[in-house]
Amino acid sequence: MSPGVLLYGPPASGKDTVTAALSKLDERFRLFQRLKDGPGRTAGYRMVSAEQFDRLAKDGGLVWTNTRYRARYAIDRAELMNMVDSGVIPVVHAGQPAVISAVTQATPHVSWLVVALCTDRETARTRIEARATGDAAERLAAWDETEPLPSAHLQIDTAVTSPDAAAAAIHAAISR
């Protein structure tokens, strides 16, 4: 089975930072760039038009979709399979528990390591404000709404664990 990483956590829990540390540690780990239709950040996403998004959804090419921050996001099967088939270890970011089951059910030949990242609300608020995306209240509301994931293989508190230490723990767990 091919490996993959599902990084679960609320906004500002460190998903981007830990992913960057993982890629630095081992170049096989690469961010799965979700599809995005809408305003806001573009880094880390594959931007598509509303029409392209709708067509992929209609054709059954999307494993998971959600709407947040006035934008639509999706995990598409084709890019996920392309990464796995090319020997890359995809790192998929998730903020809802249902993403985990949607991705694992859509890719039964991938051995997913589920990692729950967390941080305290004050640290999250500081990180969110530092981003200066203009939607801090909405991101903190999403932080409040994000459910814990006790079933994760690893739980990492990014307020007390450095990105490099988190990456090393994930690398060690997936290498077993």
N, C-alpha and C. Protein backbone atom coordinates (compact mmCIF):
# COMPACT_ATOMS: atom_id res chain seq x y z
N MET A 1 0.84 -1.20 0.00
CA MET A 1 0.00 0.00 0.00
C MET A 1 0.87 1.25 0.00
N SER A 2 0.42 2.23 -0.70
CA SER A 2 1.12 3.52 -0.73
C SER A 2 0.74 4.32 0.51
N PRO A 3 1.68 5.10 1.06
CA PRO A 3 1.36 5.90 2.25
C PRO A 3 0.80 7.27 1.90
N GLY A 4 0.08 7.83 2.85
CA GLY A 4 -0.42 9.20 2.75
C GLY A 4 -0.61 9.75 4.15
N VAL A 5 -0.68 11.06 4.26
CA VAL A 5 -0.87 11.72 5.55
C VAL A 5 -2.11 12.60 5.47
N LEU A 6 -3.00 12.43 6.43
CA LEU A 6 -4.14 13.32 6.59
C LEU A 6 -3.86 14.18 7.82
N LEU A 7 -3.59 15.47 7.60
CA LEU A 7 -3.33 16.40 8.70
C LEU A 7 -4.64 17.09 9.04
N TYR A 8 -5.15 16.78 10.22
CA TYR A 8 -6.43 17.30 10.66
C TYR A 8 -6.21 18.38 11.71
N GLY A 9 -7.00 19.43 11.64
CA GLY A 9 -6.94 20.44 12.69
C GLY A 9 -7.68 21.70 12.31
N PRO A 10 -7.93 22.53 13.31
CA PRO A 10 -8.62 23.79 13.06
C PRO A 10 -7.70 24.79 12.38
N PRO A 11 -8.25 25.92 11.96
CA PRO A 11 -7.41 26.97 11.39
C PRO A 11 -6.29 27.34 12.37
N ALA A 12 -5.11 27.58 11.84
CA ALA A 12 -3.93 28.02 12.60
C ALA A 12 -3.40 26.97 13.56
N SER A 13 -3.72 25.71 13.30
CA SER A 13 -3.16 24.64 14.13
C SER A 13 -1.78 24.22 13.65
N GLY A 14 -1.37 24.72 12.50
CA GLY A 14 -0.02 24.44 12.01
C GLY A 14 0.06 23.52 10.81
N LYS A 15 -1.05 23.30 10.12
CA LYS A 15 -1.03 22.37 8.99
C LYS A 15 -0.02 22.78 7.92
N ASP A 16 -0.03 24.04 7.52
CA ASP A 16 0.92 24.50 6.50
C ASP A 16 2.36 24.41 6.99
N THR A 17 2.59 24.82 8.21
CA THR A 17 3.95 24.84 8.77
C THR A 17 4.51 23.44 8.94
N VAL A 18 3.69 22.53 9.44
CA VAL A 18 4.14 21.14 9.61
C VAL A 18 4.35 20.49 8.25
N THR A 19 3.50 20.78 7.28
CA THR A 19 3.68 20.24 5.93
C THR A 19 5.00 20.71 5.33
N ALA A 20 5.32 21.98 5.51
CA ALA A 20 6.59 22.51 5.00
C ALA A 20 7.77 21.81 5.67
N ALA A 21 7.68 21.56 6.97
CA ALA A 21 8.76 20.86 7.68
C ALA A 21 8.88 19.42 7.20
N LEU A 22 7.75 18.78 6.93
CA LEU A 22 7.76 17.40 6.40
C LEU A 22 8.45 17.36 5.03
N SER A 23 8.10 18.29 4.16
CA SER A 23 8.69 18.33 2.81
C SER A 23 10.19 18.61 2.87
N LYS A 24 10.59 19.41 3.84
CA LYS A 24 12.02 19.70 4.02
C LYS A 24 12.76 18.46 4.52
N LEU A 25 12.12 17.71 5.41
CA LEU A 25 12.72 16.49 5.97
C LEU A 25 12.84 15.39 4.93
N ASP A 26 11.80 15.25 4.10
CA ASP A 26 11.75 14.17 3.11
C ASP A 26 10.94 14.68 1.92
N GLU A 27 11.59 14.86 0.79
CA GLU A 27 10.93 15.47 -0.37
C GLU A 27 9.78 14.65 -0.93
N ARG A 28 9.62 13.41 -0.49
CA ARG A 28 8.47 12.62 -0.95
C ARG A 28 7.16 13.17 -0.39
N PHE A 29 7.20 13.84 0.75
CA PHE A 29 6.00 14.43 1.35
C PHE A 29 5.69 15.73 0.64
N ARG A 30 4.48 15.80 0.05
CA ARG A 30 4.08 17.01 -0.67
C ARG A 30 2.64 17.37 -0.33
N LEU A 31 2.42 18.65 -0.20
CA LEU A 31 1.08 19.14 0.05
C LEU A 31 0.16 18.76 -1.10
N PHE A 32 -0.98 18.18 -0.77
CA PHE A 32 -2.04 18.00 -1.75
C PHE A 32 -2.74 19.35 -1.83
N GLN A 33 -2.64 20.00 -2.96
CA GLN A 33 -3.27 21.30 -3.13
C GLN A 33 -4.73 21.11 -3.51
N ARG A 34 -5.61 21.47 -2.58
CA ARG A 34 -7.03 21.35 -2.85
C ARG A 34 -7.46 22.33 -3.94
N LEU A 35 -8.53 22.00 -4.61
CA LEU A 35 -9.14 22.92 -5.57
C LEU A 35 -9.84 24.01 -4.79
N LYS A 36 -9.83 25.21 -5.33
CA LYS A 36 -10.52 26.33 -4.68
C LYS A 36 -11.19 27.19 -5.74
N ASP A 37 -12.43 27.56 -5.44
CA ASP A 37 -13.20 28.49 -6.25
C ASP A 37 -13.67 29.59 -5.32
N GLY A 38 -13.10 30.77 -5.46
CA GLY A 38 -13.55 31.87 -4.62
C GLY A 38 -12.42 32.78 -4.19
N PRO A 39 -12.77 33.78 -3.36
CA PRO A 39 -11.80 34.79 -2.95
C PRO A 39 -10.87 34.30 -1.84
N GLY A 40 -9.88 35.12 -1.55
CA GLY A 40 -8.98 34.84 -0.44
C GLY A 40 -7.65 34.30 -0.90
N ARG A 41 -7.00 33.61 0.02
CA ARG A 41 -5.67 33.06 -0.23
C ARG A 41 -5.64 32.17 -1.46
N THR A 42 -4.57 32.27 -2.22
CA THR A 42 -4.40 31.38 -3.37
C THR A 42 -3.23 30.43 -3.19
N ALA A 43 -2.27 30.79 -2.35
CA ALA A 43 -1.10 29.92 -2.11
C ALA A 43 -1.56 28.61 -1.49
N GLY A 44 -1.09 27.51 -2.05
CA GLY A 44 -1.44 26.19 -1.53
C GLY A 44 -2.71 25.60 -2.12
N TYR A 45 -3.29 26.29 -3.09
CA TYR A 45 -4.51 25.81 -3.73
C TYR A 45 -4.32 25.77 -5.23
N ARG A 46 -5.12 24.96 -5.89
CA ARG A 46 -5.23 24.98 -7.35
C ARG A 46 -6.53 25.72 -7.65
N MET A 47 -6.41 26.93 -8.12
CA MET A 47 -7.58 27.77 -8.35
C MET A 47 -8.32 27.32 -9.61
N VAL A 48 -9.63 27.25 -9.49
CA VAL A 48 -10.48 26.88 -10.63
C VAL A 48 -11.66 27.85 -10.69
N SER A 49 -12.29 27.89 -11.84
CA SER A 49 -13.49 28.72 -12.00
C SER A 49 -14.69 27.99 -11.38
N ALA A 50 -15.75 28.74 -11.17
CA ALA A 50 -16.98 28.14 -10.66
C ALA A 50 -17.48 27.06 -11.61
N GLU A 51 -17.35 27.30 -12.91
CA GLU A 51 -17.81 26.33 -13.90
C GLU A 51 -16.99 25.04 -13.84
N GLN A 52 -15.67 25.18 -13.70
CA GLN A 52 -14.82 23.98 -13.59
C GLN A 52 -15.17 23.18 -12.33
N PHE A 53 -15.36 23.88 -11.23
CA PHE A 53 -15.71 23.23 -9.97
C PHE A 53 -17.02 22.46 -10.12
N ASP A 54 -18.02 23.13 -10.68
CA ASP A 54 -19.33 22.50 -10.87
C ASP A 54 -19.25 21.28 -11.78
N ARG A 55 -18.45 21.37 -12.85
CA ARG A 55 -18.31 20.25 -13.78
C ARG A 55 -17.67 19.05 -13.09
N LEU A 56 -16.62 19.28 -12.31
CA LEU A 56 -15.97 18.18 -11.58
C LEU A 56 -16.94 17.55 -10.58
N ALA A 57 -17.72 18.37 -9.92
CA ALA A 57 -18.70 17.84 -8.96
C ALA A 57 -19.75 17.00 -9.68
N LYS A 58 -20.24 17.51 -10.81
CA LYS A 58 -21.26 16.80 -11.58
C LYS A 58 -20.74 15.47 -12.12
N ASP A 59 -19.46 15.46 -12.53
CA ASP A 59 -18.85 14.26 -13.10
C ASP A 59 -18.39 13.25 -12.05
N GLY A 60 -18.56 13.57 -10.77
CA GLY A 60 -18.17 12.64 -9.71
C GLY A 60 -16.68 12.62 -9.43
N GLY A 61 -15.96 13.65 -9.84
CA GLY A 61 -14.51 13.67 -9.65
C GLY A 61 -14.05 14.20 -8.31
N LEU A 62 -15.00 14.63 -7.47
CA LEU A 62 -14.62 15.22 -6.19
C LEU A 62 -14.89 14.26 -5.04
N VAL A 63 -13.88 14.05 -4.23
CA VAL A 63 -13.97 13.16 -3.07
C VAL A 63 -14.61 13.88 -1.89
N TRP A 64 -14.32 15.18 -1.78
CA TRP A 64 -14.83 15.97 -0.66
C TRP A 64 -14.96 17.42 -1.10
N THR A 65 -16.04 18.06 -0.67
CA THR A 65 -16.19 19.50 -0.91
C THR A 65 -16.67 20.17 0.37
N ASN A 66 -16.30 21.42 0.51
CA ASN A 66 -16.86 22.23 1.59
C ASN A 66 -16.81 23.69 1.20
N THR A 67 -17.60 24.48 1.89
CA THR A 67 -17.66 25.91 1.66
C THR A 67 -17.31 26.62 2.97
N ARG A 68 -16.39 27.56 2.86
CA ARG A 68 -15.98 28.34 4.04
C ARG A 68 -15.29 29.60 3.52
N TYR A 69 -15.38 30.68 4.30
CA TYR A 69 -14.72 31.95 3.94
C TYR A 69 -15.13 32.43 2.55
N ARG A 70 -16.40 32.24 2.22
CA ARG A 70 -16.95 32.69 0.94
C ARG A 70 -16.30 32.02 -0.26
N ALA A 71 -15.75 30.84 -0.07
CA ALA A 71 -15.10 30.09 -1.16
C ALA A 71 -15.50 28.62 -1.05
N ARG A 72 -15.35 27.91 -2.17
CA ARG A 72 -15.57 26.46 -2.19
C ARG A 72 -14.23 25.76 -2.34
N TYR A 73 -14.08 24.65 -1.63
CA TYR A 73 -12.85 23.87 -1.64
C TYR A 73 -13.20 22.43 -1.98
N ALA A 74 -12.25 21.71 -2.60
CA ALA A 74 -12.51 20.31 -2.94
C ALA A 74 -11.22 19.51 -2.97
N ILE A 75 -11.38 18.24 -2.67
CA ILE A 75 -10.33 17.25 -2.87
C ILE A 75 -10.76 16.44 -4.08
N ASP A 76 -9.95 16.47 -5.12
CA ASP A 76 -10.31 15.75 -6.34
C ASP A 76 -9.53 14.44 -6.44
N ARG A 77 -10.24 13.43 -6.85
CA ARG A 77 -9.68 12.07 -6.95
C ARG A 77 -8.51 12.01 -7.94
N ALA A 78 -8.62 12.68 -9.08
CA ALA A 78 -7.59 12.57 -10.12
C ALA A 78 -6.23 13.03 -9.62
N GLU A 79 -6.16 14.18 -8.97
CA GLU A 79 -4.87 14.69 -8.49
C GLU A 79 -4.34 13.84 -7.34
N LEU A 80 -5.23 13.39 -6.48
CA LEU A 80 -4.81 12.53 -5.37
C LEU A 80 -4.19 11.25 -5.91
N MET A 81 -4.82 10.63 -6.89
CA MET A 81 -4.29 9.40 -7.49
C MET A 81 -3.00 9.66 -8.26
N ASN A 82 -2.92 10.81 -8.92
CA ASN A 82 -1.70 11.18 -9.64
C ASN A 82 -0.52 11.25 -8.67
N MET A 83 -0.72 11.85 -7.52
CA MET A 83 0.35 11.96 -6.53
C MET A 83 0.77 10.58 -6.03
N VAL A 84 -0.21 9.78 -5.65
CA VAL A 84 0.08 8.44 -5.12
C VAL A 84 0.79 7.60 -6.17
N ASP A 85 0.28 7.62 -7.40
CA ASP A 85 0.86 6.80 -8.47
C ASP A 85 2.28 7.23 -8.84
N SER A 86 2.64 8.48 -8.56
CA SER A 86 3.98 8.95 -8.89
C SER A 86 4.97 8.77 -7.73
N GLY A 87 4.54 8.11 -6.66
CA GLY A 87 5.45 7.83 -5.55
C GLY A 87 5.55 8.94 -4.52
N VAL A 88 4.74 9.96 -4.67
CA VAL A 88 4.71 11.06 -3.71
C VAL A 88 3.85 10.63 -2.51
N ILE A 89 4.19 11.13 -1.34
CA ILE A 89 3.35 10.91 -0.16
C ILE A 89 2.49 12.16 0.00
N PRO A 90 1.21 12.09 -0.38
CA PRO A 90 0.37 13.28 -0.29
C PRO A 90 0.08 13.64 1.16
N VAL A 91 0.11 14.93 1.43
CA VAL A 91 -0.27 15.46 2.74
C VAL A 91 -1.55 16.25 2.50
N VAL A 92 -2.66 15.70 2.96
CA VAL A 92 -3.97 16.29 2.74
C VAL A 92 -4.39 17.02 4.01
N HIS A 93 -4.77 18.27 3.88
CA HIS A 93 -5.23 19.05 5.03
C HIS A 93 -6.74 18.87 5.19
N ALA A 94 -7.16 18.71 6.43
CA ALA A 94 -8.58 18.49 6.73
C ALA A 94 -8.98 19.30 7.95
N GLY A 95 -10.18 19.83 7.92
CA GLY A 95 -10.71 20.57 9.06
C GLY A 95 -12.02 20.03 9.57
N GLN A 96 -12.54 19.00 8.91
CA GLN A 96 -13.78 18.36 9.33
C GLN A 96 -13.54 16.85 9.43
N PRO A 97 -14.07 16.20 10.48
CA PRO A 97 -13.85 14.76 10.62
C PRO A 97 -14.31 13.94 9.41
N ALA A 98 -15.37 14.37 8.75
CA ALA A 98 -15.90 13.61 7.61
C ALA A 98 -14.91 13.54 6.45
N VAL A 99 -13.96 14.47 6.38
CA VAL A 99 -12.94 14.42 5.33
C VAL A 99 -12.16 13.12 5.44
N ILE A 100 -11.86 12.71 6.67
CA ILE A 100 -11.04 11.52 6.90
C ILE A 100 -11.70 10.30 6.26
N SER A 101 -12.97 10.07 6.57
CA SER A 101 -13.64 8.89 6.01
C SER A 101 -13.84 9.03 4.51
N ALA A 102 -14.12 10.24 4.02
CA ALA A 102 -14.32 10.42 2.57
C ALA A 102 -13.04 10.07 1.81
N VAL A 103 -11.90 10.55 2.29
CA VAL A 103 -10.63 10.29 1.60
C VAL A 103 -10.23 8.83 1.73
N THR A 104 -10.35 8.26 2.92
CA THR A 104 -9.92 6.87 3.10
C THR A 104 -10.81 5.91 2.31
N GLN A 105 -12.10 6.19 2.24
CA GLN A 105 -12.99 5.32 1.47
C GLN A 105 -12.75 5.45 -0.03
N ALA A 106 -12.37 6.63 -0.48
CA ALA A 106 -12.13 6.85 -1.92
C ALA A 106 -10.79 6.28 -2.37
N THR A 107 -9.90 5.99 -1.42
CA THR A 107 -8.55 5.53 -1.75
C THR A 107 -8.17 4.33 -0.88
N PRO A 108 -8.86 3.20 -1.04
CA PRO A 108 -8.61 2.05 -0.17
C PRO A 108 -7.22 1.44 -0.31
N HIS A 109 -6.51 1.77 -1.38
CA HIS A 109 -5.16 1.23 -1.58
C HIS A 109 -4.08 2.12 -0.98
N VAL A 110 -4.50 3.17 -0.26
CA VAL A 110 -3.55 4.07 0.40
C VAL A 110 -3.64 3.83 1.91
N SER A 111 -2.48 3.72 2.54
CA SER A 111 -2.41 3.57 4.00
C SER A 111 -2.25 4.97 4.59
N TRP A 112 -3.34 5.51 5.10
CA TRP A 112 -3.34 6.88 5.60
C TRP A 112 -2.94 6.95 7.06
N LEU A 113 -1.99 7.82 7.37
CA LEU A 113 -1.65 8.16 8.74
C LEU A 113 -2.45 9.42 9.07
N VAL A 114 -3.31 9.32 10.08
CA VAL A 114 -4.14 10.45 10.46
C VAL A 114 -3.48 11.16 11.65
N VAL A 115 -3.18 12.43 11.45
CA VAL A 115 -2.50 13.23 12.47
C VAL A 115 -3.40 14.40 12.85
N ALA A 116 -3.73 14.50 14.13
CA ALA A 116 -4.53 15.62 14.62
C ALA A 116 -3.60 16.67 15.20
N LEU A 117 -3.61 17.85 14.60
CA LEU A 117 -2.84 18.97 15.11
C LEU A 117 -3.77 19.85 15.93
N CYS A 118 -3.27 20.35 17.04
CA CYS A 118 -4.07 21.24 17.86
C CYS A 118 -3.19 22.33 18.44
N THR A 119 -3.82 23.36 18.91
CA THR A 119 -3.15 24.43 19.64
C THR A 119 -4.23 25.12 20.46
N ASP A 120 -3.82 25.86 21.46
CA ASP A 120 -4.79 26.58 22.27
C ASP A 120 -5.36 27.76 21.47
N ARG A 121 -6.51 28.24 21.91
CA ARG A 121 -7.22 29.28 21.17
C ARG A 121 -6.41 30.58 21.08
N GLU A 122 -5.71 30.94 22.15
CA GLU A 122 -4.94 32.19 22.13
C GLU A 122 -3.81 32.12 21.11
N THR A 123 -3.12 30.98 21.05
CA THR A 123 -2.07 30.81 20.04
C THR A 123 -2.67 30.86 18.65
N ALA A 124 -3.82 30.22 18.47
CA ALA A 124 -4.50 30.25 17.17
C ALA A 124 -4.87 31.69 16.81
N ARG A 125 -5.41 32.44 17.76
CA ARG A 125 -5.80 33.83 17.49
C ARG A 125 -4.58 34.65 17.05
N THR A 126 -3.47 34.48 17.75
CA THR A 126 -2.24 35.21 17.41
C THR A 126 -1.78 34.85 16.00
N ARG A 127 -1.81 33.57 15.66
CA ARG A 127 -1.40 33.13 14.32
C ARG A 127 -2.34 33.66 13.25
N ILE A 128 -3.63 33.61 13.53
CA ILE A 128 -4.63 34.09 12.56
C ILE A 128 -4.46 35.58 12.31
N GLU A 129 -4.28 36.34 13.37
CA GLU A 129 -4.10 37.79 13.21
C GLU A 129 -2.81 38.11 12.46
N ALA A 130 -1.78 37.32 12.66
CA ALA A 130 -0.51 37.55 11.95
C ALA A 130 -0.66 37.32 10.45
N ARG A 131 -1.59 36.47 10.04
CA ARG A 131 -1.83 36.23 8.61
C ARG A 131 -2.42 37.46 7.92
N ALA A 132 -3.17 38.25 8.69
CA ALA A 132 -3.79 39.47 8.17
C ALA A 132 -4.63 39.21 6.92
N THR A 133 -5.45 38.16 6.98
CA THR A 133 -6.31 37.83 5.83
C THR A 133 -7.63 38.59 5.86
N GLY A 134 -7.90 39.33 6.95
CA GLY A 134 -9.12 40.12 7.02
C GLY A 134 -10.34 39.35 7.47
N ASP A 135 -10.18 38.09 7.83
CA ASP A 135 -11.32 37.29 8.25
C ASP A 135 -11.05 36.57 9.57
N ALA A 136 -10.39 37.26 10.49
CA ALA A 136 -9.99 36.64 11.76
C ALA A 136 -11.19 36.11 12.54
N ALA A 137 -12.27 36.87 12.59
CA ALA A 137 -13.44 36.43 13.35
C ALA A 137 -14.01 35.13 12.77
N GLU A 138 -14.07 35.06 11.46
CA GLU A 138 -14.60 33.86 10.80
C GLU A 138 -13.68 32.65 11.03
N ARG A 139 -12.38 32.88 10.99
CA ARG A 139 -11.43 31.79 11.23
C ARG A 139 -11.48 31.33 12.68
N LEU A 140 -11.63 32.25 13.63
CA LEU A 140 -11.77 31.85 15.03
C LEU A 140 -13.07 31.09 15.26
N ALA A 141 -14.12 31.48 14.56
CA ALA A 141 -15.38 30.73 14.65
C ALA A 141 -15.18 29.31 14.12
N ALA A 142 -14.45 29.18 13.02
CA ALA A 142 -14.15 27.84 12.49
C ALA A 142 -13.28 27.06 13.48
N TRP A 143 -12.35 27.74 14.14
CA TRP A 143 -11.52 27.08 15.16
C TRP A 143 -12.43 26.53 16.26
N ASP A 144 -13.40 27.36 16.71
CA ASP A 144 -14.34 26.94 17.76
C ASP A 144 -15.19 25.75 17.33
N GLU A 145 -15.53 25.68 16.05
CA GLU A 145 -16.40 24.63 15.54
C GLU A 145 -15.68 23.32 15.24
N THR A 146 -14.36 23.35 15.15
CA THR A 146 -13.61 22.15 14.78
C THR A 146 -13.63 21.15 15.92
N GLU A 147 -14.12 19.96 15.61
CA GLU A 147 -14.24 18.91 16.62
C GLU A 147 -12.89 18.24 16.86
N PRO A 148 -12.67 17.76 18.11
CA PRO A 148 -11.46 16.96 18.35
C PRO A 148 -11.53 15.66 17.54
N LEU A 149 -10.40 15.04 17.32
CA LEU A 149 -10.35 13.79 16.56
C LEU A 149 -9.59 12.75 17.38
N PRO A 150 -10.26 12.16 18.37
CA PRO A 150 -9.57 11.21 19.25
C PRO A 150 -9.10 9.95 18.54
N SER A 151 -9.62 9.66 17.37
CA SER A 151 -9.24 8.44 16.65
C SER A 151 -7.95 8.60 15.84
N ALA A 152 -7.35 9.78 15.85
CA ALA A 152 -6.12 10.02 15.07
C ALA A 152 -5.00 9.11 15.56
N HIS A 153 -4.12 8.73 14.64
CA HIS A 153 -2.96 7.91 14.99
C HIS A 153 -1.97 8.69 15.85
N LEU A 154 -1.84 9.99 15.56
CA LEU A 154 -0.96 10.88 16.33
C LEU A 154 -1.72 12.14 16.71
N GLN A 155 -1.46 12.64 17.90
CA GLN A 155 -1.99 13.92 18.36
C GLN A 155 -0.79 14.81 18.64
N ILE A 156 -0.73 15.98 18.02
CA ILE A 156 0.42 16.87 18.20
C ILE A 156 -0.07 18.27 18.54
N ASP A 157 0.37 18.79 19.68
CA ASP A 157 0.06 20.15 20.09
C ASP A 157 1.15 21.06 19.55
N THR A 158 0.81 21.85 18.55
CA THR A 158 1.82 22.68 17.89
C THR A 158 2.20 23.92 18.69
N ALA A 159 1.53 24.16 19.80
CA ALA A 159 1.94 25.27 20.67
C ALA A 159 3.19 24.88 21.46
N VAL A 160 3.40 23.58 21.66
CA VAL A 160 4.54 23.11 22.46
C VAL A 160 5.49 22.21 21.68
N THR A 161 5.12 21.86 20.45
CA THR A 161 5.95 20.99 19.61
C THR A 161 6.42 21.78 18.40
N SER A 162 7.71 21.81 18.17
CA SER A 162 8.23 22.56 17.02
C SER A 162 7.80 21.89 15.71
N PRO A 163 7.75 22.65 14.63
CA PRO A 163 7.41 22.04 13.33
C PRO A 163 8.35 20.89 12.97
N ASP A 164 9.64 21.05 13.22
CA ASP A 164 10.60 19.98 12.90
C ASP A 164 10.36 18.73 13.74
N ALA A 165 10.03 18.91 15.02
CA ALA A 165 9.74 17.75 15.88
C ALA A 165 8.44 17.07 15.44
N ALA A 166 7.45 17.87 15.06
CA ALA A 166 6.19 17.30 14.57
C ALA A 166 6.45 16.51 13.29
N ALA A 167 7.24 17.08 12.38
CA ALA A 167 7.56 16.40 11.12
C ALA A 167 8.31 15.10 11.39
N ALA A 168 9.24 15.13 12.32
CA ALA A 168 10.01 13.92 12.65
C ALA A 168 9.10 12.83 13.22
N ALA A 169 8.13 13.21 14.05
CA ALA A 169 7.20 12.23 14.62
C ALA A 169 6.33 11.61 13.53
N ILE A 170 5.86 12.43 12.60
CA ILE A 170 5.04 11.93 11.49
C ILE A 170 5.88 11.04 10.59
N HIS A 171 7.08 11.46 10.27
CA HIS A 171 7.97 10.67 9.42
C HIS A 171 8.25 9.32 10.06
N ALA A 172 8.53 9.31 11.35
CA ALA A 172 8.80 8.05 12.05
C ALA A 172 7.58 7.14 12.04
N ALA A 173 6.40 7.71 12.26
CA ALA A 173 5.18 6.90 12.29
C ALA A 173 4.86 6.30 10.93
N ILE A 174 5.08 7.05 9.88
CA ILE A 174 4.76 6.54 8.54
C ILE A 174 5.81 5.57 8.04
N SER A 175 7.00 5.64 8.62
CA SER A 175 8.10 4.75 8.20
C SER A 175 8.04 3.39 8.88
N ARG A 176 7.17 3.24 9.86
CA ARG A 176 7.06 1.95 10.57
C ARG A 176 6.46 0.89 9.70
